[in-house]
Amino acid sequence: MNTRRMIALAAAASAAAGVLLVPAAPASATATYCRDHLKSINGTDPNGHWPPYSSTYTTSYCNDINVKVNQQTEVETCFAPSSGGYYCNGFRTLYANTWGLAATDVRDGTNFWLIFGSTSVQGVAAY
């Protein structure tokens, strides 16, 4: 019996038995899991950089760099590839007490830092 026929028969048997096949984790569950690993943002250096005077690395917990801050401000994400140099993605608006995206579809282990439009910004980041 070929593989397609076996899959079709298995699907038919599952449907007949009342078994519902659903994806393992809906998108909302993925976002929740990502936000289970928050990093505090308690201000920046004098140039608006977070982490202050440093950088950090993305993790496998999140596909994006998510930020929730206490005030409306702008954020720019800068990346430092292992090949050298750096580049930034341009400023994006963040709204107070609302999750916003600083960068999307970022590879795990990417070296980055954020530049905020305010040095007094506080909140959390998930990446």
N, C-alpha and C. Protein backbone atom coordinates (compact mmCIF):
# COMPACT_ATOMS: atom_id res chain seq x y z
N MET A 1 0.85 -1.16 0.00
CA MET A 1 0.00 0.00 0.00
C MET A 1 0.91 1.24 0.00
N ASN A 2 0.61 2.22 -0.84
CA ASN A 2 1.49 3.39 -0.90
C ASN A 2 1.23 4.35 0.26
N THR A 3 2.17 5.25 0.48
CA THR A 3 2.12 6.16 1.62
C THR A 3 0.90 7.07 1.58
N ARG A 4 0.56 7.62 0.42
CA ARG A 4 -0.59 8.51 0.31
C ARG A 4 -1.88 7.79 0.73
N ARG A 5 -2.03 6.57 0.26
CA ARG A 5 -3.24 5.81 0.58
C ARG A 5 -3.30 5.54 2.09
N MET A 6 -2.14 5.24 2.72
CA MET A 6 -2.11 4.98 4.15
C MET A 6 -2.49 6.24 4.93
N ILE A 7 -2.00 7.39 4.50
CA ILE A 7 -2.32 8.66 5.16
C ILE A 7 -3.80 8.95 5.02
N ALA A 8 -4.34 8.75 3.83
CA ALA A 8 -5.76 9.00 3.60
C ALA A 8 -6.62 8.08 4.47
N LEU A 9 -6.23 6.81 4.57
CA LEU A 9 -6.99 5.88 5.40
C LEU A 9 -6.91 6.25 6.87
N ALA A 10 -5.73 6.68 7.33
CA ALA A 10 -5.57 7.09 8.73
C ALA A 10 -6.42 8.32 9.03
N ALA A 11 -6.45 9.27 8.10
CA ALA A 11 -7.26 10.47 8.29
C ALA A 11 -8.74 10.12 8.34
N ALA A 12 -9.17 9.23 7.45
CA ALA A 12 -10.57 8.81 7.43
C ALA A 12 -10.93 8.08 8.72
N ALA A 13 -10.04 7.23 9.20
CA ALA A 13 -10.30 6.50 10.44
C ALA A 13 -10.38 7.46 11.62
N SER A 14 -9.51 8.45 11.65
CA SER A 14 -9.54 9.45 12.73
C SER A 14 -10.84 10.23 12.70
N ALA A 15 -11.28 10.62 11.51
CA ALA A 15 -12.52 11.38 11.38
C ALA A 15 -13.70 10.52 11.82
N ALA A 16 -13.70 9.25 11.43
CA ALA A 16 -14.79 8.36 11.80
C ALA A 16 -14.83 8.13 13.30
N ALA A 17 -13.68 8.12 13.94
CA ALA A 17 -13.61 7.89 15.38
C ALA A 17 -13.87 9.17 16.18
N GLY A 18 -14.03 10.29 15.47
CA GLY A 18 -14.29 11.55 16.14
C GLY A 18 -13.05 12.21 16.70
N VAL A 19 -11.88 11.85 16.22
CA VAL A 19 -10.63 12.44 16.68
C VAL A 19 -10.38 13.70 15.88
N LEU A 20 -10.14 14.79 16.55
CA LEU A 20 -9.87 16.06 15.90
C LEU A 20 -8.37 16.32 15.94
N LEU A 21 -7.79 16.53 14.77
CA LEU A 21 -6.37 16.84 14.70
C LEU A 21 -6.22 18.36 14.67
N VAL A 22 -5.44 18.91 15.60
CA VAL A 22 -5.22 20.35 15.68
C VAL A 22 -3.73 20.62 15.73
N PRO A 23 -3.32 21.81 15.32
CA PRO A 23 -1.90 22.16 15.42
C PRO A 23 -1.43 22.11 16.87
N ALA A 24 -0.15 21.85 17.07
CA ALA A 24 0.41 21.70 18.42
C ALA A 24 0.31 22.98 19.25
N ALA A 25 0.61 24.14 18.66
CA ALA A 25 0.57 25.38 19.43
C ALA A 25 0.05 26.51 18.55
N PRO A 26 -1.10 27.08 18.87
CA PRO A 26 -1.59 28.21 18.10
C PRO A 26 -0.68 29.41 18.26
N ALA A 27 -0.78 30.37 17.35
CA ALA A 27 0.10 31.54 17.36
C ALA A 27 0.03 32.29 18.69
N SER A 28 -1.16 32.39 19.29
CA SER A 28 -1.27 33.10 20.56
C SER A 28 -0.49 32.40 21.67
N ALA A 29 -0.42 31.09 21.62
CA ALA A 29 0.36 30.36 22.62
C ALA A 29 1.85 30.63 22.43
N THR A 30 2.29 30.75 21.19
CA THR A 30 3.69 31.05 20.91
C THR A 30 4.05 32.43 21.48
N ALA A 31 3.17 33.42 21.27
CA ALA A 31 3.42 34.76 21.80
C ALA A 31 3.48 34.74 23.32
N THR A 32 2.59 33.99 23.95
CA THR A 32 2.60 33.88 25.41
C THR A 32 3.89 33.25 25.88
N TYR A 33 4.32 32.18 25.24
CA TYR A 33 5.57 31.52 25.61
C TYR A 33 6.74 32.49 25.48
N CYS A 34 6.77 33.24 24.42
CA CYS A 34 7.82 34.23 24.20
C CYS A 34 7.86 35.22 25.36
N ARG A 35 6.71 35.67 25.78
CA ARG A 35 6.63 36.68 26.83
C ARG A 35 6.81 36.11 28.23
N ASP A 36 7.03 34.80 28.32
CA ASP A 36 7.38 34.19 29.60
C ASP A 36 8.85 34.44 29.94
N HIS A 37 9.61 35.03 29.03
CA HIS A 37 11.05 35.24 29.20
C HIS A 37 11.38 36.73 29.02
N LEU A 38 10.85 37.56 29.89
CA LEU A 38 10.99 39.00 29.77
C LEU A 38 12.30 39.50 30.36
N LYS A 39 12.81 40.56 29.77
CA LYS A 39 13.99 41.27 30.28
C LYS A 39 13.54 42.68 30.63
N SER A 40 13.95 43.17 31.78
CA SER A 40 13.56 44.50 32.24
C SER A 40 14.31 45.59 31.48
N ILE A 41 13.59 46.64 31.18
CA ILE A 41 14.18 47.86 30.61
C ILE A 41 14.00 48.93 31.68
N ASN A 42 15.09 49.32 32.31
CA ASN A 42 15.06 50.33 33.38
C ASN A 42 15.93 51.51 32.99
N GLY A 43 15.53 52.18 31.93
CA GLY A 43 16.30 53.30 31.43
C GLY A 43 17.35 52.85 30.43
N THR A 44 18.05 53.81 29.92
CA THR A 44 19.04 53.58 28.88
C THR A 44 20.32 54.32 29.23
N ASP A 45 21.32 54.20 28.38
CA ASP A 45 22.49 55.07 28.56
C ASP A 45 22.13 56.46 28.02
N PRO A 46 23.02 57.46 28.11
CA PRO A 46 22.68 58.82 27.67
C PRO A 46 22.34 58.94 26.19
N ASN A 47 22.67 57.93 25.39
CA ASN A 47 22.34 57.95 23.96
C ASN A 47 21.06 57.20 23.63
N GLY A 48 20.34 56.74 24.65
CA GLY A 48 19.09 56.01 24.42
C GLY A 48 19.28 54.54 24.12
N HIS A 49 20.51 54.01 24.28
CA HIS A 49 20.78 52.60 23.98
C HIS A 49 20.34 51.69 25.12
N TRP A 50 19.73 50.57 24.75
CA TRP A 50 19.42 49.49 25.70
C TRP A 50 19.82 48.18 25.07
N PRO A 51 20.51 47.30 25.81
CA PRO A 51 20.99 47.50 27.17
C PRO A 51 22.05 48.61 27.21
N PRO A 52 22.08 49.35 28.31
CA PRO A 52 23.02 50.47 28.40
C PRO A 52 24.47 50.04 28.15
N TYR A 53 25.13 50.75 27.26
CA TYR A 53 26.55 50.54 26.95
C TYR A 53 26.87 49.10 26.52
N SER A 54 25.90 48.40 25.98
CA SER A 54 26.10 46.99 25.68
C SER A 54 25.23 46.53 24.52
N SER A 55 25.12 45.24 24.37
CA SER A 55 24.22 44.61 23.41
C SER A 55 23.77 43.29 24.03
N THR A 56 22.86 42.62 23.36
CA THR A 56 22.38 41.33 23.83
C THR A 56 22.12 40.44 22.63
N TYR A 57 21.68 39.23 22.84
CA TYR A 57 21.46 38.27 21.75
C TYR A 57 20.04 37.74 21.78
N THR A 58 19.44 37.59 20.63
CA THR A 58 18.11 37.00 20.54
C THR A 58 18.16 35.54 20.97
N THR A 59 17.02 35.03 21.37
CA THR A 59 16.91 33.66 21.85
C THR A 59 15.97 32.85 20.95
N SER A 60 15.84 31.60 21.25
CA SER A 60 14.91 30.75 20.50
C SER A 60 13.49 30.88 21.04
N TYR A 61 13.28 31.65 22.09
CA TYR A 61 11.95 31.83 22.66
C TYR A 61 11.02 32.65 21.77
N CYS A 62 11.58 33.60 21.02
CA CYS A 62 10.77 34.52 20.23
C CYS A 62 11.30 34.62 18.80
N ASN A 63 10.39 34.86 17.89
CA ASN A 63 10.77 35.08 16.50
C ASN A 63 11.04 36.56 16.25
N ASP A 64 10.48 37.42 17.09
CA ASP A 64 10.59 38.87 16.94
C ASP A 64 11.21 39.48 18.19
N ILE A 65 11.51 40.76 18.10
CA ILE A 65 11.93 41.52 19.28
C ILE A 65 10.73 42.36 19.68
N ASN A 66 10.11 42.00 20.81
CA ASN A 66 8.89 42.63 21.30
C ASN A 66 9.23 43.56 22.46
N VAL A 67 8.57 44.71 22.51
CA VAL A 67 8.86 45.69 23.55
C VAL A 67 7.55 46.27 24.07
N LYS A 68 7.48 46.45 25.39
CA LYS A 68 6.34 47.11 26.04
C LYS A 68 6.93 48.13 27.00
N VAL A 69 6.67 49.41 26.76
CA VAL A 69 7.28 50.47 27.56
C VAL A 69 6.21 51.36 28.19
N ASN A 70 6.63 52.20 29.13
CA ASN A 70 5.73 53.02 29.92
C ASN A 70 5.33 54.34 29.26
N GLN A 71 5.81 54.63 28.09
CA GLN A 71 5.52 55.90 27.43
C GLN A 71 5.58 55.73 25.92
N GLN A 72 4.91 56.62 25.21
CA GLN A 72 5.03 56.58 23.76
C GLN A 72 6.41 57.09 23.37
N THR A 73 7.07 56.34 22.52
CA THR A 73 8.42 56.71 22.09
C THR A 73 8.71 56.01 20.78
N GLU A 74 9.85 56.27 20.25
CA GLU A 74 10.34 55.58 19.04
C GLU A 74 11.41 54.58 19.47
N VAL A 75 11.55 53.51 18.68
CA VAL A 75 12.61 52.54 18.92
C VAL A 75 13.21 52.14 17.59
N GLU A 76 14.51 51.97 17.59
CA GLU A 76 15.25 51.48 16.43
C GLU A 76 16.07 50.29 16.91
N THR A 77 16.12 49.23 16.11
CA THR A 77 16.91 48.06 16.46
C THR A 77 18.16 48.03 15.60
N CYS A 78 19.30 47.87 16.24
CA CYS A 78 20.57 47.79 15.51
C CYS A 78 21.15 46.39 15.70
N PHE A 79 21.74 45.89 14.64
CA PHE A 79 22.28 44.54 14.61
C PHE A 79 23.77 44.58 14.31
N ALA A 80 24.52 43.68 14.95
CA ALA A 80 25.96 43.57 14.72
C ALA A 80 26.25 42.15 14.21
N PRO A 81 26.27 41.96 12.89
CA PRO A 81 26.54 40.62 12.36
C PRO A 81 27.97 40.17 12.68
N SER A 82 28.16 38.87 12.73
CA SER A 82 29.50 38.34 13.03
C SER A 82 30.52 38.71 11.97
N SER A 83 30.05 39.11 10.78
CA SER A 83 30.97 39.52 9.71
C SER A 83 31.55 40.91 9.95
N GLY A 84 31.03 41.62 10.95
CA GLY A 84 31.55 42.94 11.28
C GLY A 84 30.58 44.04 10.92
N GLY A 85 30.85 45.22 11.43
CA GLY A 85 29.99 46.36 11.19
C GLY A 85 28.68 46.26 11.94
N TYR A 86 27.73 47.13 11.59
CA TYR A 86 26.40 47.08 12.16
C TYR A 86 25.44 47.78 11.22
N TYR A 87 24.15 47.52 11.40
CA TYR A 87 23.10 48.21 10.66
C TYR A 87 21.87 48.30 11.53
N CYS A 88 21.00 49.27 11.24
CA CYS A 88 19.79 49.48 12.03
C CYS A 88 18.57 49.44 11.12
N ASN A 89 17.42 49.08 11.68
CA ASN A 89 16.22 48.89 10.87
C ASN A 89 15.34 50.12 10.72
N GLY A 90 15.67 51.22 11.32
CA GLY A 90 14.83 52.41 11.24
C GLY A 90 13.88 52.49 12.42
N PHE A 91 13.44 53.70 12.75
CA PHE A 91 12.61 53.91 13.93
C PHE A 91 11.18 53.46 13.72
N ARG A 92 10.62 52.88 14.78
CA ARG A 92 9.22 52.45 14.82
C ARG A 92 8.58 53.07 16.06
N THR A 93 7.32 53.40 15.96
CA THR A 93 6.61 53.99 17.10
C THR A 93 6.14 52.91 18.05
N LEU A 94 6.38 53.14 19.34
CA LEU A 94 5.85 52.30 20.41
C LEU A 94 4.84 53.13 21.18
N TYR A 95 3.73 52.52 21.56
CA TYR A 95 2.71 53.20 22.33
C TYR A 95 2.77 52.74 23.79
N ALA A 96 2.46 53.64 24.70
CA ALA A 96 2.57 53.37 26.13
C ALA A 96 1.75 52.15 26.54
N ASN A 97 2.39 51.27 27.32
CA ASN A 97 1.74 50.11 27.92
C ASN A 97 1.09 49.16 26.92
N THR A 98 1.64 49.09 25.72
CA THR A 98 1.15 48.22 24.66
C THR A 98 2.33 47.50 24.03
N TRP A 99 2.18 46.22 23.73
CA TRP A 99 3.27 45.50 23.07
C TRP A 99 3.47 46.05 21.67
N GLY A 100 4.73 46.26 21.32
CA GLY A 100 5.09 46.71 19.98
C GLY A 100 6.25 45.89 19.46
N LEU A 101 6.44 45.93 18.15
CA LEU A 101 7.53 45.19 17.51
C LEU A 101 8.69 46.11 17.20
N ALA A 102 9.83 45.80 17.77
CA ALA A 102 11.04 46.55 17.45
C ALA A 102 11.69 45.97 16.18
N ALA A 103 11.56 44.65 15.99
CA ALA A 103 12.09 43.98 14.79
C ALA A 103 11.35 42.65 14.62
N THR A 104 11.18 42.24 13.39
CA THR A 104 10.48 40.98 13.10
C THR A 104 11.39 39.99 12.39
N ASP A 105 11.05 38.72 12.56
CA ASP A 105 11.77 37.62 11.89
C ASP A 105 13.27 37.69 12.08
N VAL A 106 13.71 37.73 13.33
CA VAL A 106 15.13 37.84 13.66
C VAL A 106 15.66 36.44 14.01
N ARG A 107 16.78 36.09 13.45
CA ARG A 107 17.38 34.78 13.71
C ARG A 107 17.82 34.64 15.15
N ASP A 108 17.74 33.42 15.68
CA ASP A 108 18.23 33.13 17.03
C ASP A 108 19.72 33.43 17.11
N GLY A 109 20.15 33.98 18.23
CA GLY A 109 21.57 34.26 18.44
C GLY A 109 22.08 35.52 17.76
N THR A 110 21.17 36.39 17.30
CA THR A 110 21.57 37.63 16.64
C THR A 110 21.94 38.69 17.69
N ASN A 111 23.10 39.30 17.53
CA ASN A 111 23.56 40.35 18.43
C ASN A 111 22.84 41.65 18.07
N PHE A 112 22.20 42.28 19.08
CA PHE A 112 21.45 43.51 18.79
C PHE A 112 21.42 44.42 20.01
N TRP A 113 20.98 45.67 19.77
CA TRP A 113 20.68 46.61 20.84
C TRP A 113 19.56 47.49 20.33
N LEU A 114 18.86 48.13 21.25
CA LEU A 114 17.76 49.02 20.91
C LEU A 114 18.19 50.46 21.16
N ILE A 115 17.67 51.37 20.36
CA ILE A 115 17.88 52.80 20.57
C ILE A 115 16.49 53.42 20.71
N PHE A 116 16.21 53.97 21.90
CA PHE A 116 14.93 54.59 22.17
C PHE A 116 15.02 56.10 21.97
N GLY A 117 13.88 56.70 21.70
CA GLY A 117 13.79 58.15 21.55
C GLY A 117 13.79 58.88 22.88
N SER A 118 13.78 58.14 23.98
CA SER A 118 13.78 58.71 25.32
C SER A 118 14.77 57.93 26.19
N THR A 119 15.51 58.64 27.03
CA THR A 119 16.45 57.95 27.92
C THR A 119 15.77 57.49 29.22
N SER A 120 14.54 57.94 29.48
CA SER A 120 13.85 57.57 30.72
C SER A 120 12.86 56.43 30.51
N VAL A 121 12.94 55.76 29.39
CA VAL A 121 11.99 54.69 29.09
C VAL A 121 12.18 53.51 30.05
N GLN A 122 11.06 52.92 30.45
CA GLN A 122 11.07 51.73 31.31
C GLN A 122 10.03 50.76 30.78
N GLY A 123 10.27 49.48 31.00
CA GLY A 123 9.33 48.47 30.54
C GLY A 123 9.97 47.11 30.48
N VAL A 124 9.58 46.33 29.47
CA VAL A 124 10.11 44.98 29.30
C VAL A 124 10.32 44.70 27.82
N ALA A 125 11.22 43.74 27.58
CA ALA A 125 11.48 43.27 26.22
C ALA A 125 11.43 41.75 26.22
N ALA A 126 10.96 41.20 25.12
CA ALA A 126 10.93 39.75 24.93
C ALA A 126 11.56 39.48 23.57
N TYR A 127 12.56 38.62 23.55
CA TYR A 127 13.27 38.35 22.30
C TYR A 127 13.86 36.97 22.26
